[in-house]
Amino acid sequence: MSRFIIEGGKPISGVHQVPGNKNAALPMLAAVLLASEPVTLENVPDIADVRVMVKGLEALGVKVSGSLAEHRLVCDAGNLKADPILPEDICSLIRTSFLFVGPLLARKGKVRLRAAPGGDSIGRRRLDTHINGLHALGARGKPSSMGSISMRAPEGFSGTFFMLDEASVMATENLVMAAVTARGVTTLYNTACEPHVQNLCEMLCGMGAQISGMGTNRLVITGVPCLHGGTFRVKGDVIEAASYLVAAAVTGGALSLKGVEPEEMAILEPTFKKFGVRWSVDETGTLKLPAKQKLRTAYDLGAAIPKIEDGPWPALPSDLQSVLIVLATQTRGTELFFEKMFESRLYFVDHLIGMGAKIVQCDPHRAVITGPTRLQGSVVSSPDIRAGMALIIAALCAHGTTVIHNAESIDRGYESVETHLSALGAVIRRA
């Protein structure tokens, strides 16, 4: 176990290169299983979850070359194992281990996972939509009472009509990967349309798939006999970009972000303006945040307290709620945060309260934050990826020293965070 030790009070300023999107890279790695030819992925983030997915691919017989240090991987799934089994130590580490199910059923007609998928403990995370959709396509089997999963598609997949009972990102990705080589046409309703889902669909189309409706909640997939290889780029990580913006805003620094997706940042802009955060994007696509932002709540009409709530894209991503709560502690005014998707996402605010934040947690889904508050250094522990980054940001603007235990949880989603923050002026080290 490692920990971060952070001295607060230093402005986060300079230029930061935004890495590839974690939430796009993981399903794109699963998608290489659909091709018998090599697939090259560029701009792959060097994070712990990617390394686990690579180990999972190798356990299934995929030859992986290239270098994460250079953000480029070449994956050759030409010789998959006849009986694809994913080991327990891979399954239990990351939730996206379940993304191997759709493409393996499509390619080999069977799959076994030795354990239930792991991941962050932020509340109940259903697999029902995945299983029901795969059953509609022709799969058989479901998770056992012990958590292991064994499924088969003895006659292959056939096109179907399926209505997702929730706009689940992972279920959408799994079902699309399962359907691209199915016989006939598959229509999926209530699908997720997040940027990383679109990135995956663009990759699949580049491999020969026929998908229409990308960016909407209705996808129509015409099955093709097989997919081929190619070279594909993981788009920039909007969650990391926004996290670094918050770090600069609460410390008064000026930040330039390269490698952002301007359209995605534009969708987040109205939410950031509620806190007084404003930026511009120049002709090169670089996002620039001026120093010393005037952090002040923009109240709704009638001086009503604004509600910061998450939802399916293009609503605010749930992954940003944690870092925005820290932004709220440094903003003059009051905001109500409504976390709709995960009942345990907000529990980390106890750490912020211990650091001096004025927060009232109304219930598992709602919290009221009043700022600004001068936070004090403390000893805390990161419960998950996004809360961990939020605690780092809190430590950066706090008075004194903060120790954050369980630093490994942050490594799962943020690339070399202490190295990048140090380059931007932070006093942070890993112990």
Protein backbone atom coordinates (compact mmCIF):
# COMPACT_ATOMS: atom_id res chain seq x y z
CA MET A 1 0.00 0.00 0.00
CA SER A 2 1.22 3.48 -0.82
CA ARG A 3 0.11 6.95 0.18
CA PHE A 4 0.36 10.49 -1.14
CA ILE A 5 1.81 13.22 1.06
CA ILE A 6 0.73 16.68 -0.08
CA GLU A 7 1.65 20.16 1.07
CA GLY A 8 -1.21 22.49 0.22
CA GLY A 9 -1.28 26.10 -0.85
CA LYS A 10 0.62 25.94 -4.14
CA PRO A 11 -1.09 27.13 -7.35
CA ILE A 12 -1.55 24.47 -10.02
CA SER A 13 -0.30 26.22 -13.15
CA GLY A 14 1.30 25.35 -16.48
CA VAL A 15 0.56 23.06 -19.40
CA HIS A 16 -0.93 19.57 -19.04
CA GLN A 17 -1.29 16.98 -21.80
CA VAL A 18 -4.58 15.15 -21.31
CA PRO A 19 -4.11 11.37 -21.77
CA GLY A 20 -6.46 8.95 -23.48
CA ASN A 21 -9.87 8.33 -21.98
CA LYS A 22 -9.87 5.49 -19.44
CA ASN A 23 -13.54 4.79 -20.08
CA ALA A 24 -12.90 4.46 -23.81
CA ALA A 25 -9.63 2.52 -23.66
CA LEU A 26 -11.04 -0.35 -21.57
CA PRO A 27 -13.92 -1.34 -23.90
CA MET A 28 -11.68 -0.74 -26.94
CA LEU A 29 -9.23 -3.26 -25.49
CA ALA A 30 -12.09 -5.74 -25.12
CA ALA A 31 -13.12 -5.10 -28.73
CA VAL A 32 -9.79 -6.39 -30.10
CA LEU A 33 -11.11 -9.89 -29.29
CA LEU A 34 -13.51 -9.58 -32.25
CA ALA A 35 -10.75 -9.51 -34.89
CA SER A 36 -8.42 -12.27 -35.98
CA GLU A 37 -6.03 -9.62 -37.32
CA PRO A 38 -3.81 -7.27 -35.25
CA VAL A 39 -5.42 -4.13 -33.84
CA THR A 40 -3.30 -1.12 -32.88
CA LEU A 41 -4.54 1.30 -30.24
CA GLU A 42 -2.92 4.71 -29.86
CA ASN A 43 -3.13 7.27 -27.04
CA VAL A 44 -3.78 4.48 -24.52
CA PRO A 45 -3.47 5.82 -20.94
CA ASP A 46 -0.80 4.23 -18.76
CA ILE A 47 -3.04 3.44 -15.79
CA ALA A 48 -3.57 0.43 -13.55
CA ASP A 49 -6.94 -0.60 -15.02
CA VAL A 50 -5.46 -0.73 -18.53
CA ARG A 51 -2.64 -2.94 -17.27
CA VAL A 52 -5.19 -5.34 -15.74
CA MET A 53 -7.18 -5.45 -19.00
CA VAL A 54 -3.97 -6.27 -20.89
CA LYS A 55 -3.27 -9.13 -18.48
CA GLY A 56 -6.80 -10.35 -19.12
CA LEU A 57 -6.25 -10.31 -22.86
CA GLU A 58 -3.01 -12.23 -22.46
CA ALA A 59 -4.74 -14.82 -20.27
CA LEU A 60 -7.18 -15.39 -23.16
CA GLY A 61 -4.38 -15.96 -25.66
CA VAL A 62 -4.01 -12.48 -27.13
CA LYS A 63 -0.47 -11.41 -28.02
CA VAL A 64 0.05 -7.84 -26.79
CA SER A 65 3.08 -5.81 -27.85
CA GLY A 66 3.96 -2.13 -27.91
CA SER A 67 4.48 0.07 -24.88
CA LEU A 68 2.14 1.77 -22.45
CA ALA A 69 4.94 4.24 -21.74
CA GLU A 70 4.55 5.27 -25.38
CA HIS A 71 0.75 4.96 -25.15
CA ARG A 72 0.58 2.47 -28.01
CA LEU A 73 -0.46 -1.18 -27.93
CA VAL A 74 -0.69 -3.79 -30.68
CA CYS A 75 -3.10 -6.62 -29.89
CA ASP A 76 -3.22 -9.82 -31.96
CA ALA A 77 -6.21 -12.02 -31.11
CA GLY A 78 -5.59 -14.41 -33.98
CA ASN A 79 -4.96 -17.37 -31.68
CA LEU A 80 -7.52 -17.12 -28.90
CA LYS A 81 -7.74 -20.07 -26.53
CA ALA A 82 -10.42 -22.57 -27.51
CA ASP A 83 -11.93 -22.48 -24.00
CA PRO A 84 -11.70 -18.82 -22.93
CA ILE A 85 -11.51 -18.54 -19.14
CA LEU A 86 -10.76 -15.32 -17.30
CA PRO A 87 -8.87 -15.89 -14.01
CA GLU A 88 -10.28 -14.79 -10.68
CA ASP A 89 -7.49 -12.29 -10.01
CA ILE A 90 -8.37 -10.42 -13.21
CA CYS A 91 -12.15 -10.49 -12.72
CA SER A 92 -12.06 -9.29 -9.12
CA LEU A 93 -9.85 -6.26 -9.81
CA ILE A 94 -11.94 -4.36 -12.36
CA ARG A 95 -15.58 -4.15 -13.34
CA THR A 96 -14.71 -3.92 -17.02
CA SER A 97 -13.57 -7.54 -16.95
CA PHE A 98 -17.22 -8.22 -17.81
CA LEU A 99 -16.70 -6.45 -21.14
CA PHE A 100 -14.87 -9.56 -22.34
CA VAL A 101 -18.16 -11.50 -22.26
CA GLY A 102 -19.88 -10.01 -25.33
CA PRO A 103 -16.97 -10.27 -27.77
CA LEU A 104 -15.89 -13.73 -26.54
CA LEU A 105 -19.40 -15.11 -26.98
CA ALA A 106 -19.50 -13.58 -30.46
CA ARG A 107 -16.09 -14.96 -31.42
CA LYS A 108 -15.85 -18.30 -29.58
CA GLY A 109 -19.43 -19.05 -28.53
CA LYS A 110 -18.54 -19.48 -24.86
CA VAL A 111 -16.84 -17.75 -21.93
CA ARG A 112 -16.17 -18.32 -18.24
CA LEU A 113 -15.30 -15.73 -15.61
CA ARG A 114 -13.91 -17.24 -12.41
CA ALA A 115 -15.33 -14.45 -10.24
CA ALA A 116 -17.79 -11.57 -10.33
CA PRO A 117 -16.43 -8.33 -11.78
CA GLY A 118 -14.82 -6.03 -9.21
CA GLY A 119 -14.32 -2.26 -9.33
CA ASP A 120 -15.11 0.71 -7.15
CA SER A 121 -17.49 0.31 -4.20
CA ILE A 122 -19.80 3.20 -5.03
CA GLY A 123 -23.09 1.35 -4.70
CA ARG A 124 -24.99 -1.41 -6.43
CA ARG A 125 -23.86 -1.94 -10.02
CA ARG A 126 -26.25 -4.26 -11.86
CA LEU A 127 -25.37 -6.84 -14.48
CA ASP A 128 -29.02 -7.54 -15.30
CA THR A 129 -29.08 -5.37 -18.43
CA HIS A 130 -25.99 -7.11 -19.82
CA ILE A 131 -27.35 -10.60 -19.16
CA ASN A 132 -30.86 -9.89 -20.45
CA GLY A 133 -29.51 -8.33 -23.63
CA LEU A 134 -27.12 -11.20 -24.29
CA HIS A 135 -29.98 -13.65 -23.72
CA ALA A 136 -32.07 -11.74 -26.28
CA LEU A 137 -29.24 -12.21 -28.80
CA GLY A 138 -29.10 -15.96 -28.14
CA ALA A 139 -26.78 -16.53 -25.18
CA ARG A 140 -27.44 -18.94 -22.35
CA GLY A 141 -26.20 -18.91 -18.76
CA LYS A 142 -25.90 -16.38 -15.95
CA PRO A 143 -23.85 -15.64 -12.82
CA SER A 144 -23.76 -18.42 -10.24
CA SER A 145 -24.54 -17.95 -6.56
CA MET A 146 -20.78 -17.94 -5.94
CA GLY A 147 -20.22 -15.05 -8.36
CA SER A 148 -18.54 -16.95 -11.21
CA ILE A 149 -20.09 -16.63 -14.66
CA SER A 150 -20.40 -19.22 -17.41
CA MET A 151 -22.22 -18.38 -20.65
CA ARG A 152 -22.61 -19.97 -24.07
CA ALA A 153 -24.05 -19.02 -27.43
CA PRO A 154 -24.28 -22.50 -28.96
CA GLU A 155 -25.99 -21.33 -32.16
CA GLY A 156 -24.26 -17.99 -32.38
CA PHE A 157 -26.00 -14.63 -32.08
CA SER A 158 -29.04 -13.53 -34.07
CA GLY A 159 -30.26 -9.98 -34.55
CA THR A 160 -32.98 -8.87 -32.17
CA PHE A 161 -34.87 -5.91 -30.75
CA PHE A 162 -33.86 -5.07 -27.19
CA MET A 163 -34.85 -2.25 -24.87
CA LEU A 164 -32.23 -1.60 -22.18
CA ASP A 165 -33.95 -1.10 -18.82
CA GLU A 166 -31.29 1.49 -17.96
CA ALA A 167 -28.98 3.57 -20.15
CA SER A 168 -25.98 1.60 -18.94
CA VAL A 169 -22.68 2.49 -20.57
CA MET A 170 -21.08 -0.92 -20.07
CA ALA A 171 -24.20 -2.84 -21.09
CA THR A 172 -24.44 -0.77 -24.27
CA GLU A 173 -20.79 -1.53 -25.05
CA ASN A 174 -21.17 -5.24 -24.34
CA LEU A 175 -24.30 -5.62 -26.44
CA VAL A 176 -22.90 -3.65 -29.37
CA MET A 177 -19.77 -5.83 -29.40
CA ALA A 178 -21.95 -8.94 -29.24
CA ALA A 179 -24.23 -7.76 -32.06
CA VAL A 180 -21.73 -6.58 -34.68
CA THR A 181 -21.20 -10.12 -36.02
CA ALA A 182 -24.70 -11.44 -35.26
CA ARG A 183 -26.93 -12.74 -38.05
CA GLY A 184 -29.36 -10.05 -39.19
CA VAL A 185 -30.19 -6.66 -37.69
CA THR A 186 -30.13 -5.71 -34.01
CA THR A 187 -31.93 -2.63 -32.71
CA LEU A 188 -30.99 -1.40 -29.25
CA TYR A 189 -33.13 1.25 -27.54
CA ASN A 190 -32.26 3.39 -24.50
CA THR A 191 -28.55 2.99 -25.18
CA ALA A 192 -25.86 5.14 -23.58
CA CYS A 193 -24.40 7.80 -25.88
CA GLU A 194 -21.38 8.93 -23.83
CA PRO A 195 -18.29 10.01 -25.82
CA HIS A 196 -16.44 6.82 -24.91
CA VAL A 197 -19.32 4.71 -26.24
CA GLN A 198 -19.06 6.65 -29.49
CA ASN A 199 -15.29 6.11 -29.54
CA LEU A 200 -15.85 2.35 -29.29
CA CYS A 201 -18.50 2.37 -32.04
CA GLU A 202 -16.22 4.37 -34.33
CA MET A 203 -13.48 1.80 -33.76
CA LEU A 204 -15.86 -1.09 -34.53
CA CYS A 205 -17.00 0.61 -37.74
CA GLY A 206 -13.35 1.04 -38.68
CA MET A 207 -13.00 -2.71 -38.23
CA GLY A 208 -15.87 -3.35 -40.63
CA ALA A 209 -18.96 -3.20 -38.40
CA GLN A 210 -22.17 -1.51 -39.57
CA ILE A 211 -23.60 0.68 -36.81
CA SER A 212 -25.98 3.60 -37.24
CA GLY A 213 -27.31 6.01 -34.62
CA MET A 214 -24.01 6.71 -32.87
CA GLY A 215 -24.41 9.54 -30.39
CA THR A 216 -28.11 8.78 -29.87
CA ASN A 217 -30.06 6.42 -27.63
CA ARG A 218 -31.05 4.14 -30.52
CA LEU A 219 -28.44 2.01 -32.22
CA VAL A 220 -29.12 -0.16 -35.27
CA ILE A 221 -26.46 -2.79 -35.94
CA THR A 222 -26.38 -4.85 -39.12
CA GLY A 223 -24.31 -7.94 -38.50
CA VAL A 224 -21.28 -8.75 -40.66
CA PRO A 225 -19.48 -12.12 -40.93
CA CYS A 226 -16.26 -10.93 -39.28
CA LEU A 227 -14.21 -7.87 -38.33
CA HIS A 228 -10.69 -6.99 -39.47
CA GLY A 229 -7.80 -5.19 -37.79
CA GLY A 230 -6.72 -1.57 -38.01
CA THR A 231 -5.27 1.37 -36.11
CA PHE A 232 -7.47 3.43 -33.80
CA ARG A 233 -6.98 6.33 -31.42
CA VAL A 234 -8.38 6.68 -27.90
CA LYS A 235 -9.82 10.17 -27.53
CA GLY A 236 -8.82 12.53 -24.72
CA ASP A 237 -10.14 11.94 -21.20
CA VAL A 238 -12.82 14.52 -20.39
CA ILE A 239 -12.93 13.44 -16.72
CA GLU A 240 -9.18 13.94 -16.23
CA ALA A 241 -9.32 17.27 -18.06
CA ALA A 242 -12.11 18.50 -15.79
CA SER A 243 -10.32 17.21 -12.68
CA TYR A 244 -7.17 19.17 -13.50
CA LEU A 245 -9.28 22.25 -14.25
CA VAL A 246 -10.78 22.03 -10.77
CA ALA A 247 -7.32 21.62 -9.21
CA ALA A 248 -6.17 24.82 -10.93
CA ALA A 249 -9.37 26.73 -10.13
CA VAL A 250 -9.34 26.02 -6.37
CA THR A 251 -5.63 26.89 -6.07
CA GLY A 252 -5.82 30.06 -8.18
CA GLY A 253 -3.55 28.78 -10.96
CA ALA A 254 -3.59 29.29 -14.72
CA LEU A 255 -3.77 26.06 -16.70
CA SER A 256 -3.54 25.08 -20.36
CA LEU A 257 -4.88 21.68 -21.37
CA LYS A 258 -3.74 20.00 -24.58
CA GLY A 259 -5.43 16.97 -26.08
CA VAL A 260 -8.93 17.88 -24.90
CA GLU A 261 -12.07 17.18 -26.89
CA PRO A 262 -13.52 20.73 -27.27
CA GLU A 263 -17.08 19.56 -27.98
CA GLU A 264 -17.15 17.44 -24.83
CA MET A 265 -15.74 20.27 -22.72
CA ALA A 266 -18.39 22.61 -24.17
CA ILE A 267 -21.08 20.29 -22.80
CA LEU A 268 -19.54 20.57 -19.31
CA GLU A 269 -19.15 24.34 -19.52
CA PRO A 270 -22.64 25.34 -18.25
CA THR A 271 -22.08 23.32 -15.06
CA PHE A 272 -18.67 24.92 -14.44
CA LYS A 273 -20.15 28.38 -14.99
CA LYS A 274 -22.45 27.75 -12.01
CA PHE A 275 -19.28 27.96 -9.89
CA GLY A 276 -17.79 30.93 -11.74
CA VAL A 277 -15.24 28.87 -13.69
CA ARG A 278 -14.64 30.09 -17.23
CA TRP A 279 -12.20 29.04 -19.93
CA SER A 280 -11.50 29.50 -23.62
CA VAL A 281 -10.30 27.21 -26.40
CA ASP A 282 -7.79 28.58 -28.92
CA GLU A 283 -7.40 27.76 -32.61
CA THR A 284 -5.09 24.81 -31.80
CA GLY A 285 -7.71 23.18 -29.58
CA THR A 286 -5.84 24.02 -26.37
CA LEU A 287 -8.13 24.86 -23.45
CA LYS A 288 -6.95 27.79 -21.35
CA LEU A 289 -8.09 28.52 -17.80
CA PRO A 290 -7.06 32.00 -16.57
CA ALA A 291 -5.59 32.38 -13.08
CA LYS A 292 -7.53 33.53 -10.02
CA GLN A 293 -11.00 32.52 -11.07
CA LYS A 294 -13.76 34.36 -9.19
CA LEU A 295 -15.48 31.37 -7.66
CA ARG A 296 -19.03 32.43 -6.89
CA THR A 297 -22.30 30.49 -7.11
CA ALA A 298 -24.60 31.49 -9.95
CA TYR A 299 -28.00 31.10 -8.30
CA ASP A 300 -31.04 30.03 -10.26
CA LEU A 301 -33.87 32.46 -11.00
CA GLY A 302 -35.40 33.80 -7.80
CA ALA A 303 -32.09 33.32 -5.96
CA ALA A 304 -32.81 29.59 -5.69
CA ILE A 305 -29.95 27.27 -4.73
CA PRO A 306 -28.67 25.52 -7.89
CA LYS A 307 -28.82 21.75 -8.10
CA ILE A 308 -25.77 19.92 -9.46
CA GLU A 309 -27.09 16.56 -10.66
CA ASP A 310 -25.69 13.77 -12.77
CA GLY A 311 -27.28 11.68 -15.46
CA PRO A 312 -26.68 9.96 -18.81
CA TRP A 313 -24.73 12.00 -21.34
CA PRO A 314 -25.06 14.85 -22.20
CA ALA A 315 -25.98 15.38 -18.56
CA LEU A 316 -23.17 15.78 -16.03
CA PRO A 317 -21.16 12.53 -15.67
CA SER A 318 -21.38 10.89 -12.27
CA ASP A 319 -17.58 10.57 -12.31
CA LEU A 320 -17.30 14.37 -11.93
CA GLN A 321 -19.52 14.76 -8.87
CA SER A 322 -16.70 14.15 -6.38
CA VAL A 323 -14.27 16.75 -7.73
CA LEU A 324 -17.07 19.31 -8.18
CA ILE A 325 -17.97 18.91 -4.51
CA VAL A 326 -14.44 20.03 -3.65
CA LEU A 327 -14.86 22.97 -6.05
CA ALA A 328 -18.07 23.87 -4.19
CA THR A 329 -16.19 24.02 -0.86
CA GLN A 330 -14.05 26.82 -2.34
CA THR A 331 -16.91 28.68 -4.05
CA ARG A 332 -18.80 31.53 -2.37
CA GLY A 333 -22.39 30.38 -2.04
CA THR A 334 -24.40 27.19 -1.63
CA GLU A 335 -25.08 24.27 -3.97
CA LEU A 336 -27.19 21.13 -3.67
CA PHE A 337 -25.55 18.03 -5.13
CA PHE A 338 -27.88 15.27 -6.26
CA GLU A 339 -26.06 12.02 -7.09
CA LYS A 340 -28.74 9.93 -8.78
CA MET A 341 -26.79 6.96 -10.01
CA PHE A 342 -24.78 5.51 -7.10
CA GLU A 343 -25.87 5.41 -3.48
CA SER A 344 -22.33 5.30 -2.06
CA ARG A 345 -20.64 7.92 -4.24
CA LEU A 346 -21.07 10.75 -1.69
CA TYR A 347 -19.85 8.98 1.43
CA PHE A 348 -16.33 10.34 0.97
CA VAL A 349 -17.58 13.79 2.06
CA ASP A 350 -16.92 12.71 5.66
CA HIS A 351 -13.22 13.24 4.87
CA LEU A 352 -13.93 16.74 3.57
CA ILE A 353 -15.98 17.56 6.66
CA GLY A 354 -13.03 16.42 8.75
CA MET A 355 -10.89 18.88 6.80
CA GLY A 356 -13.28 21.71 7.68
CA ALA A 357 -15.75 21.75 4.78
CA LYS A 358 -19.29 22.93 5.44
CA ILE A 359 -21.30 20.02 4.11
CA VAL A 360 -24.63 18.61 5.16
CA GLN A 361 -25.24 15.14 3.73
CA CYS A 362 -28.99 14.88 3.56
CA ASP A 363 -29.14 11.22 2.50
CA PRO A 364 -27.04 8.81 0.39
CA HIS A 365 -27.87 10.77 -2.76
CA ARG A 366 -27.89 14.44 -1.71
CA ALA A 367 -25.50 16.86 -0.03
CA VAL A 368 -25.56 20.63 0.51
CA ILE A 369 -22.22 22.45 0.35
CA THR A 370 -21.59 26.04 1.47
CA GLY A 371 -18.31 27.81 0.76
CA PRO A 372 -15.74 29.07 0.71
CA THR A 373 -14.01 27.21 3.52
CA ARG A 374 -10.31 27.07 4.27
CA LEU A 375 -9.60 23.38 4.43
CA GLN A 376 -7.04 21.96 6.85
CA GLY A 377 -4.60 19.17 6.11
CA SER A 378 -5.60 15.78 7.46
CA VAL A 379 -5.06 12.03 7.18
CA VAL A 380 -7.61 10.41 4.88
CA SER A 381 -8.04 7.31 2.74
CA SER A 382 -9.16 7.13 -0.88
CA PRO A 383 -12.30 4.96 -1.22
CA ASP A 384 -12.43 4.97 -5.04
CA ILE A 385 -10.84 6.51 -8.14
CA ARG A 386 -12.87 9.71 -8.36
CA ALA A 387 -13.16 10.36 -4.63
CA GLY A 388 -9.40 9.82 -4.41
CA MET A 389 -8.74 12.52 -7.00
CA ALA A 390 -11.17 14.79 -5.18
CA LEU A 391 -9.20 14.31 -1.96
CA ILE A 392 -5.98 15.17 -3.80
CA ILE A 393 -7.58 18.41 -5.02
CA ALA A 394 -8.80 19.18 -1.50
CA ALA A 395 -5.28 18.61 -0.20
CA LEU A 396 -3.81 20.93 -2.85
CA CYS A 397 -5.90 23.86 -1.62
CA ALA A 398 -5.75 22.98 2.09
CA HIS A 399 -3.57 24.60 4.72
CA GLY A 400 -0.83 22.24 5.89
CA THR A 401 -0.06 18.63 5.09
CA THR A 402 -2.49 15.94 3.97
CA VAL A 403 -1.78 12.20 3.81
CA ILE A 404 -3.96 10.15 1.46
CA HIS A 405 -3.81 6.40 1.99
CA ASN A 406 -4.76 3.80 -0.63
CA ALA A 407 -3.09 5.78 -3.41
CA GLU A 408 -3.38 2.70 -5.65
CA SER A 409 -7.09 3.34 -6.10
CA ILE A 410 -6.28 6.66 -7.81
CA ASP A 411 -3.68 4.99 -10.05
CA ARG A 412 -6.52 2.98 -11.58
CA GLY A 413 -7.86 6.03 -13.41
CA TYR A 414 -5.25 8.81 -13.37
CA GLU A 415 -1.92 8.46 -15.10
CA SER A 416 1.19 9.29 -13.00
CA VAL A 417 -0.83 11.80 -11.03
CA GLU A 418 1.98 12.84 -8.68
CA THR A 419 4.39 13.35 -11.59
CA HIS A 420 1.97 15.50 -13.59
CA LEU A 421 0.87 17.56 -10.58
CA SER A 422 4.47 18.12 -9.49
CA ALA A 423 5.22 19.47 -12.97
CA LEU A 424 2.35 21.93 -12.44
CA GLY A 425 3.69 23.21 -9.12
CA ALA A 426 2.20 20.84 -6.56
CA VAL A 427 4.22 19.61 -3.60
CA ILE A 428 3.24 15.95 -3.68
CA ARG A 429 5.13 12.71 -3.21
CA ARG A 430 4.35 9.04 -2.95
CA ALA A 431 5.51 7.07 0.07
